[in-house]
Amino acid sequence: MSAVATTQKRVVFDFEIDFSNGGGLQGQQFRLDIDGDDISDAELADYIVDDMRLLMVGAVRILNKRIIEEAHKR
């Protein structure tokens, strides 16, 4: 059986999270599979906070967002 390379839409972005009790978290060149052709900054922020189970989040900034197509790697 031969493997067929399929392409997937992904969003590549940087993010900064400030915590309401001090401190913060940053990510660079973070990649996330998406359905469709775009995703809002608010949806990305919600996804990061929920998926990482972060508490006491103050502000979330999404930076340098771009949508790419690339072959699925699994």
N, C-alpha and C. Protein backbone atom coordinates (compact mmCIF):
# COMPACT_ATOMS: atom_id res chain seq x y z
N MET A 1 0.85 -1.17 0.00
CA MET A 1 0.00 0.00 0.00
C MET A 1 0.90 1.24 0.00
N SER A 2 0.70 2.15 -0.92
CA SER A 2 1.51 3.36 -0.97
C SER A 2 0.83 4.48 -0.20
N ALA A 3 1.65 5.31 0.43
CA ALA A 3 1.13 6.44 1.20
C ALA A 3 0.85 7.60 0.26
N VAL A 4 -0.29 8.21 0.42
CA VAL A 4 -0.66 9.35 -0.38
C VAL A 4 -0.51 10.60 0.48
N ALA A 5 0.27 11.56 0.01
CA ALA A 5 0.47 12.79 0.78
C ALA A 5 -0.76 13.67 0.62
N THR A 6 -1.35 14.02 1.74
CA THR A 6 -2.49 14.93 1.71
C THR A 6 -2.07 16.25 2.33
N THR A 7 -2.59 17.33 1.78
CA THR A 7 -2.26 18.63 2.34
C THR A 7 -3.34 19.06 3.30
N GLN A 8 -2.94 19.82 4.26
CA GLN A 8 -3.82 20.31 5.34
C GLN A 8 -3.58 21.80 5.50
N LYS A 9 -4.65 22.53 5.78
CA LYS A 9 -4.50 23.95 6.09
C LYS A 9 -4.03 24.06 7.53
N ARG A 10 -3.04 24.91 7.74
CA ARG A 10 -2.53 25.17 9.08
C ARG A 10 -2.37 26.66 9.26
N VAL A 11 -2.44 27.08 10.51
CA VAL A 11 -2.12 28.45 10.84
C VAL A 11 -0.80 28.42 11.60
N VAL A 12 0.09 29.31 11.23
CA VAL A 12 1.38 29.47 11.90
C VAL A 12 1.36 30.86 12.52
N PHE A 13 1.70 30.94 13.81
CA PHE A 13 1.60 32.23 14.49
C PHE A 13 2.48 32.26 15.73
N ASP A 14 2.72 33.45 16.22
CA ASP A 14 3.37 33.68 17.50
C ASP A 14 2.28 34.12 18.47
N PHE A 15 2.50 33.92 19.77
CA PHE A 15 1.53 34.39 20.74
C PHE A 15 2.22 34.85 22.01
N GLU A 16 1.55 35.73 22.71
CA GLU A 16 1.98 36.20 24.03
C GLU A 16 0.77 36.15 24.95
N ILE A 17 0.95 35.57 26.12
CA ILE A 17 -0.12 35.49 27.09
C ILE A 17 0.35 36.16 28.37
N ASP A 18 -0.45 37.07 28.90
CA ASP A 18 -0.19 37.69 30.19
C ASP A 18 -1.14 37.08 31.21
N PHE A 19 -0.61 36.77 32.39
CA PHE A 19 -1.44 36.23 33.46
C PHE A 19 -1.84 37.35 34.41
N SER A 20 -3.06 37.29 34.90
CA SER A 20 -3.57 38.35 35.76
C SER A 20 -2.87 38.39 37.12
N ASN A 21 -2.18 37.30 37.50
CA ASN A 21 -1.45 37.29 38.76
C ASN A 21 0.05 37.49 38.55
N GLY A 22 0.44 37.96 37.36
CA GLY A 22 1.84 38.21 37.03
C GLY A 22 2.40 37.13 36.13
N GLY A 23 3.46 37.47 35.43
CA GLY A 23 4.12 36.52 34.55
C GLY A 23 3.46 36.42 33.20
N GLY A 24 4.02 35.57 32.37
CA GLY A 24 3.48 35.40 31.03
C GLY A 24 4.07 34.19 30.34
N LEU A 25 3.60 33.96 29.14
CA LEU A 25 3.99 32.81 28.33
C LEU A 25 4.06 33.27 26.89
N GLN A 26 5.07 32.81 26.15
CA GLN A 26 5.21 33.16 24.74
C GLN A 26 5.42 31.89 23.92
N GLY A 27 4.97 31.95 22.68
CA GLY A 27 5.21 30.87 21.74
C GLY A 27 5.57 31.46 20.38
N GLN A 28 6.51 30.85 19.69
CA GLN A 28 6.92 31.32 18.38
C GLN A 28 6.76 30.20 17.36
N GLN A 29 6.27 30.59 16.19
CA GLN A 29 6.10 29.66 15.06
C GLN A 29 5.24 28.46 15.45
N PHE A 30 4.22 28.71 16.28
CA PHE A 30 3.28 27.68 16.71
C PHE A 30 2.43 27.27 15.52
N ARG A 31 2.22 25.99 15.31
CA ARG A 31 1.43 25.49 14.18
C ARG A 31 0.20 24.76 14.69
N LEU A 32 -0.90 24.99 14.01
CA LEU A 32 -2.17 24.39 14.41
C LEU A 32 -2.97 24.05 13.17
N ASP A 33 -3.47 22.82 13.08
CA ASP A 33 -4.35 22.42 11.98
C ASP A 33 -5.66 23.18 12.12
N ILE A 34 -6.21 23.61 10.98
CA ILE A 34 -7.50 24.31 11.01
C ILE A 34 -8.43 23.71 9.96
N ASP A 35 -9.71 23.86 10.21
CA ASP A 35 -10.73 23.52 9.22
C ASP A 35 -11.06 24.81 8.49
N GLY A 36 -11.12 24.77 7.20
CA GLY A 36 -11.44 25.97 6.44
C GLY A 36 -10.19 26.74 6.06
N ASP A 37 -10.42 27.97 5.59
CA ASP A 37 -9.34 28.78 5.05
C ASP A 37 -8.81 29.84 6.01
N ASP A 38 -9.46 30.05 7.16
CA ASP A 38 -9.03 31.10 8.07
C ASP A 38 -9.52 30.79 9.48
N ILE A 39 -8.94 31.47 10.45
CA ILE A 39 -9.35 31.37 11.85
C ILE A 39 -9.10 32.73 12.49
N SER A 40 -10.01 33.17 13.31
CA SER A 40 -9.86 34.49 13.93
C SER A 40 -8.84 34.45 15.06
N ASP A 41 -8.31 35.61 15.40
CA ASP A 41 -7.38 35.71 16.52
C ASP A 41 -8.07 35.28 17.82
N ALA A 42 -9.33 35.65 17.99
CA ALA A 42 -10.07 35.28 19.20
C ALA A 42 -10.22 33.76 19.31
N GLU A 43 -10.49 33.08 18.19
CA GLU A 43 -10.59 31.62 18.21
C GLU A 43 -9.26 30.97 18.56
N LEU A 44 -8.17 31.51 18.01
CA LEU A 44 -6.84 30.99 18.33
C LEU A 44 -6.54 31.17 19.81
N ALA A 45 -6.82 32.35 20.34
CA ALA A 45 -6.58 32.64 21.75
C ALA A 45 -7.36 31.67 22.63
N ASP A 46 -8.64 31.48 22.33
CA ASP A 46 -9.46 30.55 23.10
C ASP A 46 -8.91 29.13 23.03
N TYR A 47 -8.48 28.71 21.85
CA TYR A 47 -7.96 27.36 21.68
C TYR A 47 -6.72 27.15 22.54
N ILE A 48 -5.78 28.10 22.50
CA ILE A 48 -4.54 27.97 23.27
C ILE A 48 -4.84 27.89 24.76
N VAL A 49 -5.67 28.80 25.25
CA VAL A 49 -5.99 28.84 26.68
C VAL A 49 -6.69 27.55 27.11
N ASP A 50 -7.67 27.10 26.33
CA ASP A 50 -8.40 25.87 26.68
C ASP A 50 -7.51 24.63 26.59
N ASP A 51 -6.76 24.51 25.48
CA ASP A 51 -5.97 23.32 25.26
C ASP A 51 -4.84 23.18 26.27
N MET A 52 -4.27 24.29 26.70
CA MET A 52 -3.19 24.25 27.68
C MET A 52 -3.71 24.32 29.11
N ARG A 53 -5.03 24.43 29.23
CA ARG A 53 -5.69 24.49 30.55
C ARG A 53 -5.12 25.60 31.43
N LEU A 54 -4.94 26.77 30.82
CA LEU A 54 -4.37 27.90 31.53
C LEU A 54 -5.43 28.59 32.39
N LEU A 55 -5.02 29.04 33.55
CA LEU A 55 -5.90 29.76 34.47
C LEU A 55 -5.38 31.17 34.66
N MET A 56 -6.23 32.04 35.10
CA MET A 56 -5.89 33.42 35.43
C MET A 56 -5.23 34.16 34.25
N VAL A 57 -5.76 33.93 33.06
CA VAL A 57 -5.24 34.57 31.86
C VAL A 57 -5.77 35.99 31.77
N GLY A 58 -4.88 36.93 31.60
CA GLY A 58 -5.25 38.33 31.42
C GLY A 58 -5.48 38.62 29.94
N ALA A 59 -4.41 38.87 29.22
CA ALA A 59 -4.49 39.21 27.80
C ALA A 59 -3.78 38.15 26.97
N VAL A 60 -4.30 37.94 25.75
CA VAL A 60 -3.66 37.05 24.78
C VAL A 60 -3.49 37.84 23.49
N ARG A 61 -2.27 37.87 22.98
CA ARG A 61 -1.99 38.55 21.72
C ARG A 61 -1.52 37.51 20.70
N ILE A 62 -2.14 37.55 19.52
CA ILE A 62 -1.76 36.69 18.40
C ILE A 62 -0.98 37.57 17.43
N LEU A 63 0.21 37.11 17.05
CA LEU A 63 1.10 37.91 16.22
C LEU A 63 1.57 37.10 15.01
N ASN A 64 1.86 37.79 13.92
CA ASN A 64 2.48 37.18 12.74
C ASN A 64 1.72 35.96 12.22
N LYS A 65 0.40 36.03 12.23
CA LYS A 65 -0.44 34.90 11.80
C LYS A 65 -0.43 34.77 10.28
N ARG A 66 -0.26 33.53 9.82
CA ARG A 66 -0.39 33.26 8.39
C ARG A 66 -0.93 31.85 8.20
N ILE A 67 -1.70 31.68 7.15
CA ILE A 67 -2.28 30.39 6.81
C ILE A 67 -1.38 29.73 5.75
N ILE A 68 -1.06 28.48 5.97
CA ILE A 68 -0.22 27.73 5.03
C ILE A 68 -0.91 26.43 4.67
N GLU A 69 -0.45 25.82 3.60
CA GLU A 69 -0.86 24.47 3.22
C GLU A 69 0.39 23.63 3.20
N GLU A 70 0.36 22.50 3.89
CA GLU A 70 1.50 21.62 3.85
C GLU A 70 1.04 20.18 4.00
N ALA A 71 1.90 19.27 3.59
CA ALA A 71 1.56 17.86 3.67
C ALA A 71 1.43 17.43 5.12
N HIS A 72 0.47 16.58 5.38
CA HIS A 72 0.30 16.04 6.72
C HIS A 72 1.50 15.17 7.06
N LYS A 73 2.03 15.29 8.26
CA LYS A 73 3.28 14.61 8.59
C LYS A 73 3.12 13.31 9.36
N ARG A 74 1.91 12.91 9.67
CA ARG A 74 1.73 11.65 10.40
C ARG A 74 1.34 10.53 9.49
